Protein backbone atom coordinates (compact mmCIF):
# COMPACT_ATOMS: atom_id res chain seq x y z
CA MET A 1 13.20 16.03 11.04
CA LEU A 2 14.66 12.91 9.27
CA MET A 3 15.16 11.29 12.70
CA ARG A 4 11.63 11.96 13.62
CA ARG A 5 10.22 10.57 10.28
CA THR A 6 12.37 7.54 10.62
CA LEU A 7 11.27 6.93 13.95
CA THR A 8 7.60 7.31 13.09
CA ALA A 9 8.22 4.99 10.04
CA VAL A 10 9.73 2.32 12.47
CA MET A 11 7.22 2.83 15.24
CA SER A 12 4.34 2.35 12.49
CA ILE A 13 5.84 -0.94 11.29
CA VAL A 14 6.26 -2.29 14.64
CA ALA A 15 2.59 -1.30 15.52
CA LEU A 16 1.52 -3.00 12.37
CA VAL A 17 3.53 -6.23 13.19
CA GLY A 18 2.03 -6.35 16.71
CA LEU A 19 -1.68 -5.81 15.53
CA THR A 20 -1.49 -8.45 12.90
CA GLY A 21 -0.23 -11.13 15.09
CA CYS A 22 2.12 -12.49 12.66
CA ALA A 23 5.73 -11.76 11.54
CA ALA A 24 6.19 -9.32 8.61
CA VAL A 25 9.15 -9.32 6.10
CA LEU A 26 10.55 -5.97 6.08
CA LEU A 27 12.07 -4.67 2.61
CA GLY A 28 14.23 -1.53 2.02
CA ALA A 29 15.35 0.99 4.33
CA GLY A 30 15.15 4.76 4.97
CA ALA A 31 12.72 7.08 6.40
CA GLY A 32 9.47 5.81 5.13
CA ALA A 33 10.43 5.89 1.55
CA GLY A 34 11.28 2.36 0.61
CA THR A 35 10.04 0.66 3.69
CA TYR A 36 7.62 -2.16 3.32
CA ALA A 37 5.69 -4.76 5.39
CA TYR A 38 4.64 -7.86 3.64
CA VAL A 39 1.82 -9.44 5.74
CA LYS A 40 -0.46 -12.39 4.73
CA GLY A 41 0.12 -11.55 1.12
CA GLU A 42 -0.43 -7.77 1.29
CA LEU A 43 2.64 -5.43 0.70
CA ILE A 44 1.94 -2.48 2.94
CA ARG A 45 3.83 1.00 2.91
CA THR A 46 2.90 4.13 4.59
CA TYR A 47 3.18 7.44 2.56
CA GLN A 48 3.42 10.95 3.97
CA LYS A 49 0.72 12.27 2.16
CA GLU A 50 -3.04 13.00 2.76
CA TYR A 51 -5.57 10.30 2.28
CA GLU A 52 -7.26 11.86 -0.76
CA THR A 53 -4.01 12.76 -2.58
CA THR A 54 -2.93 9.09 -2.08
CA LEU A 55 -6.18 7.58 -3.18
CA LYS A 56 -6.11 9.70 -6.43
CA ALA A 57 -2.49 8.40 -6.94
CA CYS A 58 -3.54 4.66 -6.51
CA GLU A 59 -6.74 5.23 -8.72
CA SER A 60 -4.34 6.81 -11.36
CA VAL A 61 -1.92 3.88 -11.44
CA ILE A 62 -4.90 1.44 -11.75
CA ASP A 63 -6.15 3.37 -14.65
CA ASP A 64 -2.78 3.78 -16.24
CA LEU A 65 -2.12 0.10 -16.14
CA GLY A 66 -5.31 -0.62 -17.80
CA MET A 67 -6.70 -2.63 -14.99
CA SER A 68 -10.56 -2.93 -14.71
CA VAL A 69 -12.11 -2.06 -11.42
CA GLN A 70 -14.63 -4.67 -10.15
CA SER A 71 -15.55 -2.87 -6.89
CA LYS A 72 -14.83 0.14 -4.93
CA THR A 73 -16.05 0.72 -1.34
CA THR A 74 -15.18 3.01 1.43
CA ASP A 75 -16.20 3.65 4.92
CA GLY A 76 -14.68 7.15 5.26
CA VAL A 77 -11.47 5.87 6.84
CA GLN A 78 -10.53 3.34 4.22
CA THR A 79 -11.22 2.65 0.53
CA THR A 80 -10.88 -0.90 -0.77
CA ILE A 81 -10.67 -1.34 -4.61
CA LYS A 82 -10.76 -4.64 -6.19
CA ALA A 83 -9.63 -4.76 -9.77
CA THR A 84 -8.31 -7.18 -12.42
CA ARG A 85 -5.03 -6.76 -14.30
CA LYS A 86 -4.87 -7.43 -18.13
CA ASP A 87 -3.33 -10.78 -17.18
CA GLU A 88 -6.28 -11.60 -15.29
CA LYS A 89 -4.54 -11.45 -12.01
CA PRO A 90 -6.82 -9.94 -9.21
CA VAL A 91 -5.61 -6.93 -7.48
CA THR A 92 -6.68 -5.62 -4.09
CA VAL A 93 -5.63 -2.10 -3.11
CA LYS A 94 -6.57 -0.76 0.28
CA VAL A 95 -6.08 2.97 1.19
CA LYS A 96 -6.53 3.92 4.83
CA ILE A 97 -5.95 6.96 6.84
CA ALA A 98 -2.93 6.42 9.12
CA GLY A 99 -2.75 9.89 10.77
CA PRO A 100 -2.60 13.59 9.90
CA ASP A 101 -0.89 13.69 6.50
CA TRP A 102 -0.15 9.89 6.44
CA THR A 103 -1.79 7.19 4.53
CA GLN A 104 -1.46 3.52 4.53
CA VAL A 105 -1.54 1.73 1.24
CA SER A 106 -1.81 -2.20 1.10
CA VAL A 107 -1.67 -4.07 -2.43
CA ARG A 108 -2.37 -7.82 -2.73
CA THR A 109 -1.73 -9.05 -6.26
CA GLY A 110 -2.54 -12.58 -7.46
CA PHE A 111 -4.71 -15.42 -6.24
CA VAL A 112 -4.77 -16.90 -2.68
CA GLY A 113 -1.71 -18.94 -2.26
CA LEU A 114 -0.03 -17.45 -5.41
CA TRP A 115 0.55 -13.91 -4.49
CA LYS A 116 2.84 -11.84 -6.64
CA LYS A 117 4.87 -9.75 -4.35
CA GLU A 118 6.89 -8.37 -7.19
CA LEU A 119 3.80 -6.95 -8.76
CA SER A 120 2.69 -5.22 -5.70
CA GLN A 121 6.16 -3.79 -5.13
CA GLN A 122 5.86 -2.28 -8.58
CA PHE A 123 2.43 -0.90 -7.85
CA HIS A 124 4.00 0.61 -5.00
CA GLU A 125 6.83 2.26 -6.74
CA TYR A 126 4.24 3.87 -9.43
CA VAL A 127 2.31 5.32 -6.60
CA ALA A 128 5.55 6.77 -4.96
CA LYS A 129 6.41 8.41 -8.13
CA ARG A 130 3.14 9.90 -8.49
CA LEU A 131 3.28 11.37 -4.80
CA GLU A 132 6.74 12.66 -5.07
């Protein structure tokens, strides 16, 4: 089971890199947990949870961190939330269906050219704790 999850996580990342057309920086290790792709300022992680559960976890983190939501749009497959942190840095969170019981979350924190990867990673850590 663990081998299958590891293979699925690796294949997902390889597909993501291939689709974006640029190199990604992979951080962490393990079977899905702690594995990220950093693409064009977005820190992307796939969670083995249903879309609605993951979306609620992301919304909960946004609320708990005191961010103000500027906009929220959805097309049924992906929800994009644009918010502002207390320090006025913009945050964009995209929650997308990646497959049955799999959801991809993309977080971009900061202004164009001044992205804050550490803050995006912290956001993912908070989401992961809520999904345990």
